């Protein structure tokens, strides 16, 4: 082996080793974060002897900010508040996001890629406090006047703000998924006499389905983790929401509001760590959900391709 080959060999293994170390570092960091949250969050059940059922399904929230405990740590209000606001945000944002992705890739590709996509990506870089401030000064008075409410703070306001915030994420990922579909599929559909819309919703969208679904899940994960903008428009009332116009709290807004004022090692902070553990587990669930549906779709597509190839061989 000459000198140049040795250098190339050493360089290749150096970069391979570096990437391997970085990969294991990220995996280890995720495991450590999860272990730390389990350690902190389990104190609610192991130290203060609250049951998991009470924590998840009780709406009585009155923890004692001391190491003796004795309070109530029902987090149902915050869990329901998070689910309601995030579900509403997805219902509002997903159709517009997928429609925008179709527009910039299938209808006006040049305009979409040169002008529309950069504008959408700018929205992704706007700080959440700006969204919250606009919601506080523009959206809340609008909701108050149009629906004749005493206040504009509500689940509806939080859902609309979150929908705007996750719109760039879902749109960008969905457009990438649509662009990844081979142009040969489109040409084959056109050759069979399909219109542009038939090609889009019968060929392109099913093929890009896992990527679009991943974008929606990523947007949902971001919505679950948002605190500041939601706290500015949701009303911050510790009560279960009964309608879209109810004021309530979410997991993230409660953690952000109380964590800094609670004593270390006390019952209140332990309950907040348990809420953080719920958010971490939800994030893992979303990731596994993406991988599951993506793998399932790939197996379906590979089975279809193998079936077609066998049929051709028989002919």
Protein backbone atom coordinates (compact mmCIF):
# COMPACT_ATOMS: atom_id res chain seq x y z
CA UNK A 1 0.00 0.00 0.00
CA UNK A 2 1.56 3.31 -1.14
CA UNK A 3 1.56 6.57 0.85
CA UNK A 4 -1.44 8.16 -0.90
CA UNK A 5 -3.60 5.07 -0.33
CA UNK A 6 -2.60 5.02 3.33
CA UNK A 7 -3.61 8.65 3.73
CA UNK A 8 -6.96 8.04 2.05
CA UNK A 9 -7.50 4.93 4.21
CA UNK A 10 -6.64 6.84 7.41
CA UNK A 11 -8.83 9.79 6.44
CA UNK A 12 -11.78 7.54 5.65
CA UNK A 13 -11.58 5.72 8.97
CA UNK A 14 -10.99 8.97 10.85
CA UNK A 15 -14.23 10.50 9.57
CA UNK A 16 -16.10 7.23 10.02
CA UNK A 17 -14.90 7.06 13.62
CA UNK A 18 -15.78 10.70 14.24
CA UNK A 19 -19.33 10.26 12.90
CA UNK A 20 -19.72 7.10 15.00
CA UNK A 21 -18.62 8.93 18.15
CA UNK A 22 -21.01 11.81 17.41
CA UNK A 23 -23.88 9.39 16.83
CA UNK A 24 -23.25 7.54 20.09
CA UNK A 25 -22.93 10.88 21.89
CA UNK A 26 -26.39 11.96 20.74
CA UNK A 27 -27.87 8.59 21.73
CA UNK A 28 -26.17 8.72 25.12
CA UNK A 29 -27.33 12.30 25.70
CA UNK A 30 -30.94 11.33 24.96
CA UNK A 31 -30.72 8.36 27.33
CA UNK A 32 -29.20 10.53 30.05
CA UNK A 33 -31.93 13.17 29.68
CA UNK A 34 -34.58 10.46 29.90
CA UNK A 35 -32.93 8.88 32.95
CA UNK A 36 -32.65 12.27 34.66
CA UNK A 37 -36.33 13.01 34.05
CA UNK A 38 -37.31 9.56 35.34
CA UNK A 39 -35.19 10.12 38.46
CA UNK A 40 -36.67 13.57 39.14
CA UNK A 41 -40.24 12.79 38.08
CA UNK A 42 -40.50 9.51 40.00
CA UNK A 43 -40.22 11.36 43.33
CA UNK A 44 -43.91 12.25 43.04
CA UNK A 45 -44.76 8.54 43.29
CA UNK A 46 -41.88 7.08 45.30
CA UNK A 47 -41.19 9.87 47.81
CA UNK A 48 -44.58 11.56 48.19
CA UNK A 49 -46.57 8.36 47.53
CA UNK A 50 -49.03 9.70 44.99
CA UNK A 51 -50.48 7.17 42.59
CA UNK A 52 -50.09 7.34 38.83
CA UNK A 53 -53.87 7.22 38.51
CA UNK A 54 -54.22 10.29 40.73
CA UNK A 55 -51.58 12.18 38.78
CA UNK A 56 -53.04 11.42 35.35
CA UNK A 57 -56.78 11.40 36.01
CA UNK A 58 -57.40 13.79 38.89
CA UNK A 59 -58.08 17.50 38.38
CA UNK A 60 -57.23 18.43 41.99
CA UNK A 61 -54.05 20.47 41.82
CA UNK A 62 -52.89 21.73 45.23
CA UNK A 63 -49.32 20.54 45.92
CA UNK A 64 -47.51 21.63 49.08
CA UNK A 65 -44.26 23.47 48.40
CA UNK A 66 -42.30 21.59 51.04
CA UNK A 67 -40.46 18.31 51.51
CA UNK A 68 -43.17 16.93 53.79
CA UNK A 69 -45.79 16.71 51.03
CA UNK A 70 -49.42 16.04 51.74
CA UNK A 71 -50.92 18.01 48.84
CA UNK A 72 -52.77 17.00 45.69
CA UNK A 73 -50.98 16.67 42.35
CA UNK A 74 -53.68 15.87 39.80
CA UNK A 75 -52.38 17.00 36.37
CA UNK A 76 -55.52 16.22 34.36
CA UNK A 77 -56.27 19.91 33.76
CA UNK A 78 -52.89 20.53 32.16
CA UNK A 79 -52.93 17.31 30.15
CA UNK A 80 -56.39 18.05 28.75
CA UNK A 81 -55.39 21.67 28.06
CA UNK A 82 -52.34 20.52 26.08
CA UNK A 83 -54.35 17.94 24.14
CA UNK A 84 -57.13 20.40 23.29
CA UNK A 85 -54.89 23.23 22.10
CA UNK A 86 -52.57 20.95 20.11
CA UNK A 87 -55.42 19.01 18.49
CA UNK A 88 -57.09 22.27 17.48
CA UNK A 89 -53.81 23.57 16.08
CA UNK A 90 -53.34 20.44 13.95
CA UNK A 91 -56.94 20.55 12.70
CA UNK A 92 -56.47 24.17 11.61
CA UNK A 93 -52.91 24.02 10.31
CA UNK A 94 -52.62 20.63 8.57
CA UNK A 95 -55.00 21.31 5.62
CA UNK A 96 -53.45 24.72 4.92
CA UNK A 97 -49.92 23.35 5.25
CA UNK A 98 -50.48 20.41 2.90
CA UNK A 99 -52.30 22.69 0.46
CA UNK A 100 -49.40 25.15 0.53
CA UNK A 101 -46.94 22.29 -0.06
CA UNK A 102 -48.97 21.10 -3.06
CA UNK A 103 -49.10 24.66 -4.41
CA UNK A 104 -45.33 25.20 -4.21
CA UNK A 105 -44.44 21.80 -5.70
CA UNK A 106 -47.19 20.78 -8.10
CA UNK A 107 -49.02 23.94 -9.20
CA UNK A 108 -46.51 26.82 -9.20
CA UNK A 109 -43.17 25.11 -8.72
CA UNK A 110 -40.91 27.97 -9.85
CA UNK A 111 -42.77 30.65 -7.91
CA UNK A 112 -43.17 28.32 -4.95
CA UNK A 113 -39.51 27.38 -4.67
CA UNK A 114 -38.13 30.87 -5.37
CA UNK A 115 -40.54 33.08 -3.44
CA UNK A 116 -43.23 31.24 -1.50
CA UNK A 117 -40.97 28.74 0.29
CA UNK A 118 -38.49 31.37 1.55
CA UNK A 119 -41.41 33.38 2.94
CA UNK A 120 -42.76 30.29 4.73
CA UNK A 121 -39.33 29.50 6.17
CA UNK A 122 -39.03 33.05 7.50
CA UNK A 123 -42.08 32.36 9.67
CA UNK A 124 -40.22 29.43 11.23
CA UNK A 125 -37.53 31.80 12.49
CA UNK A 126 -39.85 34.27 14.19
CA UNK A 127 -39.53 34.05 18.02
CA UNK A 128 -42.51 32.62 19.86
CA UNK A 129 -42.87 35.78 21.95
CA UNK A 130 -43.69 37.68 18.75
CA UNK A 131 -46.48 35.24 17.93
CA UNK A 132 -47.76 35.55 21.47
CA UNK A 133 -47.66 39.35 21.39
CA UNK A 134 -49.52 39.51 18.08
CA UNK A 135 -52.07 37.07 19.46
CA UNK A 136 -52.43 39.17 22.60
CA UNK A 137 -52.88 42.49 20.82
CA UNK A 138 -54.69 41.46 17.61
CA UNK A 139 -56.27 38.01 17.96
CA UNK A 140 -57.74 38.32 21.46
CA UNK A 141 -59.66 41.57 20.76
CA UNK A 142 -60.91 40.04 17.50
CA UNK A 143 -62.22 36.91 19.25
CA UNK A 144 -63.75 39.04 22.00
CA UNK A 145 -65.64 41.24 19.54
CA UNK A 146 -66.65 38.67 16.93
CA UNK A 147 -67.96 36.09 19.43
CA UNK A 148 -69.19 38.63 22.03
CA UNK A 149 -67.10 37.23 24.87
CA UNK A 150 -65.99 38.99 28.04
CA UNK A 151 -62.35 38.11 27.32
CA UNK A 152 -60.54 36.84 24.26
CA UNK A 153 -58.23 34.49 26.18
CA UNK A 154 -59.28 30.97 25.31
CA UNK A 155 -58.35 27.55 23.97
CA UNK A 156 -59.41 28.84 20.54
CA UNK A 157 -56.86 31.66 20.68
CA UNK A 158 -54.09 29.29 21.79
CA UNK A 159 -54.99 26.83 19.02
CA UNK A 160 -54.89 29.53 16.34
CA UNK A 161 -51.53 30.86 17.54
CA UNK A 162 -50.08 27.34 17.61
CA UNK A 163 -51.51 26.63 14.16
CA UNK A 164 -49.64 29.62 12.73
CA UNK A 165 -46.45 28.58 14.53
CA UNK A 166 -46.42 25.00 13.25
CA UNK A 167 -47.50 25.94 9.72
CA UNK A 168 -43.90 26.40 8.42
CA UNK A 169 -42.75 23.06 9.88
CA UNK A 170 -45.52 21.00 8.32
CA UNK A 171 -45.32 22.88 5.01
CA UNK A 172 -41.55 22.49 4.61
CA UNK A 173 -41.47 18.78 5.49
CA UNK A 174 -44.53 18.05 3.32
CA UNK A 175 -43.06 19.87 0.31
CA UNK A 176 -39.80 17.94 0.68
CA UNK A 177 -41.76 14.69 0.79
CA UNK A 178 -43.72 15.61 -2.34
CA UNK A 179 -40.57 16.65 -4.20
CA UNK A 180 -38.98 13.29 -3.30
CA UNK A 181 -41.61 11.47 -5.37
CA UNK A 182 -40.04 10.47 -8.68
CA UNK A 183 -41.08 12.45 -11.75
CA UNK A 184 -41.38 9.16 -13.61
CA UNK A 185 -44.49 8.42 -11.53
CA UNK A 186 -46.02 11.70 -12.64
CA UNK A 187 -45.11 11.12 -16.30
CA UNK A 188 -46.55 7.63 -16.19
CA UNK A 189 -49.83 8.97 -14.78
CA UNK A 190 -49.98 11.68 -17.43
CA UNK A 191 -49.27 9.08 -20.09
CA UNK A 192 -52.31 7.11 -18.93
CA UNK A 193 -54.49 10.17 -19.37
CA UNK A 194 -54.64 11.42 -15.76
CA UNK A 195 -55.15 15.12 -15.11
CA UNK A 196 -52.81 17.10 -12.88
CA UNK A 197 -55.19 16.85 -9.91
CA UNK A 198 -55.75 13.11 -10.41
CA UNK A 199 -52.00 12.60 -10.53
CA UNK A 200 -51.56 14.68 -7.38
CA UNK A 201 -54.11 13.02 -5.12
CA UNK A 202 -53.93 9.47 -6.51
CA UNK A 203 -50.19 9.13 -7.14
CA UNK A 204 -48.13 11.88 -5.50
CA UNK A 205 -49.91 12.29 -2.17
CA UNK A 206 -50.10 8.54 -1.37
CA UNK A 207 -46.42 8.15 -2.23
CA UNK A 208 -45.49 11.19 -0.10
CA UNK A 209 -47.88 10.16 2.67
CA UNK A 210 -45.27 9.03 5.24
CA UNK A 211 -43.29 12.26 4.79
CA UNK A 212 -46.42 14.40 5.12
CA UNK A 213 -47.47 12.44 8.20
CA UNK A 214 -43.98 12.95 9.66
CA UNK A 215 -44.33 16.70 9.10
CA UNK A 216 -47.67 16.74 10.91
CA UNK A 217 -46.22 14.78 13.84
CA UNK A 218 -43.22 17.13 14.02
CA UNK A 219 -45.58 20.09 14.05
CA UNK A 220 -47.61 18.43 16.80
CA UNK A 221 -44.44 17.83 18.83
CA UNK A 222 -43.52 21.49 18.54
CA UNK A 223 -47.02 22.51 19.58
CA UNK A 224 -46.79 20.34 22.70
CA UNK A 225 -43.50 21.96 23.66
CA UNK A 226 -44.56 25.58 23.18
CA UNK A 227 -45.01 27.58 26.40
CA UNK A 228 -44.57 31.34 26.08
CA UNK A 229 -46.91 32.12 23.20
CA UNK A 230 -49.61 29.84 24.61
CA UNK A 231 -49.29 31.34 28.09
CA UNK A 232 -49.94 34.82 26.66
CA UNK A 233 -53.28 33.92 25.06
CA UNK A 234 -54.78 30.92 26.87
CA UNK A 235 -55.88 32.71 30.04
CA UNK A 236 -53.94 30.72 32.67
CA UNK A 237 -56.97 29.47 34.62
CA UNK A 238 -56.55 26.23 36.55
CA UNK A 239 -59.76 24.59 35.34
CA UNK A 240 -60.79 21.95 32.84
CA UNK A 241 -61.84 23.49 29.50
CA UNK A 242 -65.53 23.05 28.69
CA UNK A 243 -65.54 24.76 25.26
CA UNK A 244 -63.29 26.46 22.76
CA UNK A 245 -63.77 29.73 24.64
CA UNK A 246 -62.69 28.34 28.03
CA UNK A 247 -59.50 29.52 29.69
CA UNK A 248 -57.18 26.83 30.99
CA UNK A 249 -53.52 25.83 31.31
CA UNK A 250 -51.20 23.40 29.54
CA UNK A 251 -48.31 21.27 30.76
CA UNK A 252 -45.68 23.66 29.44
CA UNK A 253 -47.34 26.86 30.68
CA UNK A 254 -47.72 25.41 34.18
CA UNK A 255 -44.10 24.27 34.27
CA UNK A 256 -42.86 27.66 33.06
CA UNK A 257 -45.05 29.58 35.51
CA UNK A 258 -44.34 27.59 38.68
CA UNK A 259 -40.89 25.96 38.30
CA UNK A 260 -38.89 29.09 39.20
CA UNK A 261 -40.88 29.81 42.37
CA UNK A 262 -40.96 26.30 43.89
CA UNK A 263 -38.41 24.95 46.33
CA UNK A 264 -35.91 22.33 45.23
CA UNK A 265 -36.87 18.83 46.32
CA UNK A 266 -40.37 19.84 47.33
CA UNK A 267 -43.64 18.24 46.32
CA UNK A 268 -44.49 21.00 43.83
CA UNK A 269 -41.23 20.76 41.93
CA UNK A 270 -41.41 16.97 41.89
CA UNK A 271 -44.87 17.17 40.31
CA UNK A 272 -43.53 19.60 37.72
CA UNK A 273 -40.69 17.18 36.91
CA UNK A 274 -43.34 14.50 36.42
CA UNK A 275 -45.08 16.78 33.91
CA UNK A 276 -41.77 17.25 32.11
CA UNK A 277 -41.41 13.46 32.03
CA UNK A 278 -44.84 13.23 30.37
CA UNK A 279 -43.72 15.67 27.67
CA UNK A 280 -40.54 13.65 27.10
CA UNK A 281 -42.51 10.42 26.78
CA UNK A 282 -44.90 12.10 24.35
CA UNK A 283 -41.95 13.17 22.21
CA UNK A 284 -40.63 9.60 22.16
CA UNK A 285 -44.09 8.35 21.28
CA UNK A 286 -44.27 10.74 18.32
CA UNK A 287 -40.86 9.59 17.07
CA UNK A 288 -41.80 5.90 17.33
CA UNK A 289 -45.09 6.67 15.61
CA UNK A 290 -43.28 8.27 12.66
CA UNK A 291 -40.89 5.33 12.36
CA UNK A 292 -43.71 2.78 12.63
CA UNK A 293 -45.86 4.26 9.87
CA UNK A 294 -42.86 4.96 7.65
CA UNK A 295 -41.63 1.37 7.99
CA UNK A 296 -45.13 0.03 7.41
CA UNK A 297 -45.52 2.09 4.24
CA UNK A 298 -42.09 1.01 2.96
CA UNK A 299 -43.01 -2.65 3.51
CA UNK A 300 -46.28 -2.09 1.68
CA UNK A 301 -44.54 -0.41 -1.24
CA UNK A 302 -41.83 -3.09 -1.44
CA UNK A 303 -44.52 -5.79 -1.36
CA UNK A 304 -46.38 -4.08 -4.19
CA UNK A 305 -43.22 -3.77 -6.28
CA UNK A 306 -42.25 -7.42 -5.71
CA UNK A 307 -45.79 -8.50 -6.60
CA UNK A 308 -45.66 -6.57 -9.85
CA UNK A 309 -42.26 -8.02 -10.73
CA UNK A 310 -43.55 -11.56 -10.14
CA UNK A 311 -46.55 -10.85 -12.34
CA UNK A 312 -44.28 -9.67 -15.12
CA UNK A 313 -42.15 -12.80 -14.87
CA UNK A 314 -45.25 -14.98 -15.19
CA UNK A 315 -46.27 -13.10 -18.33
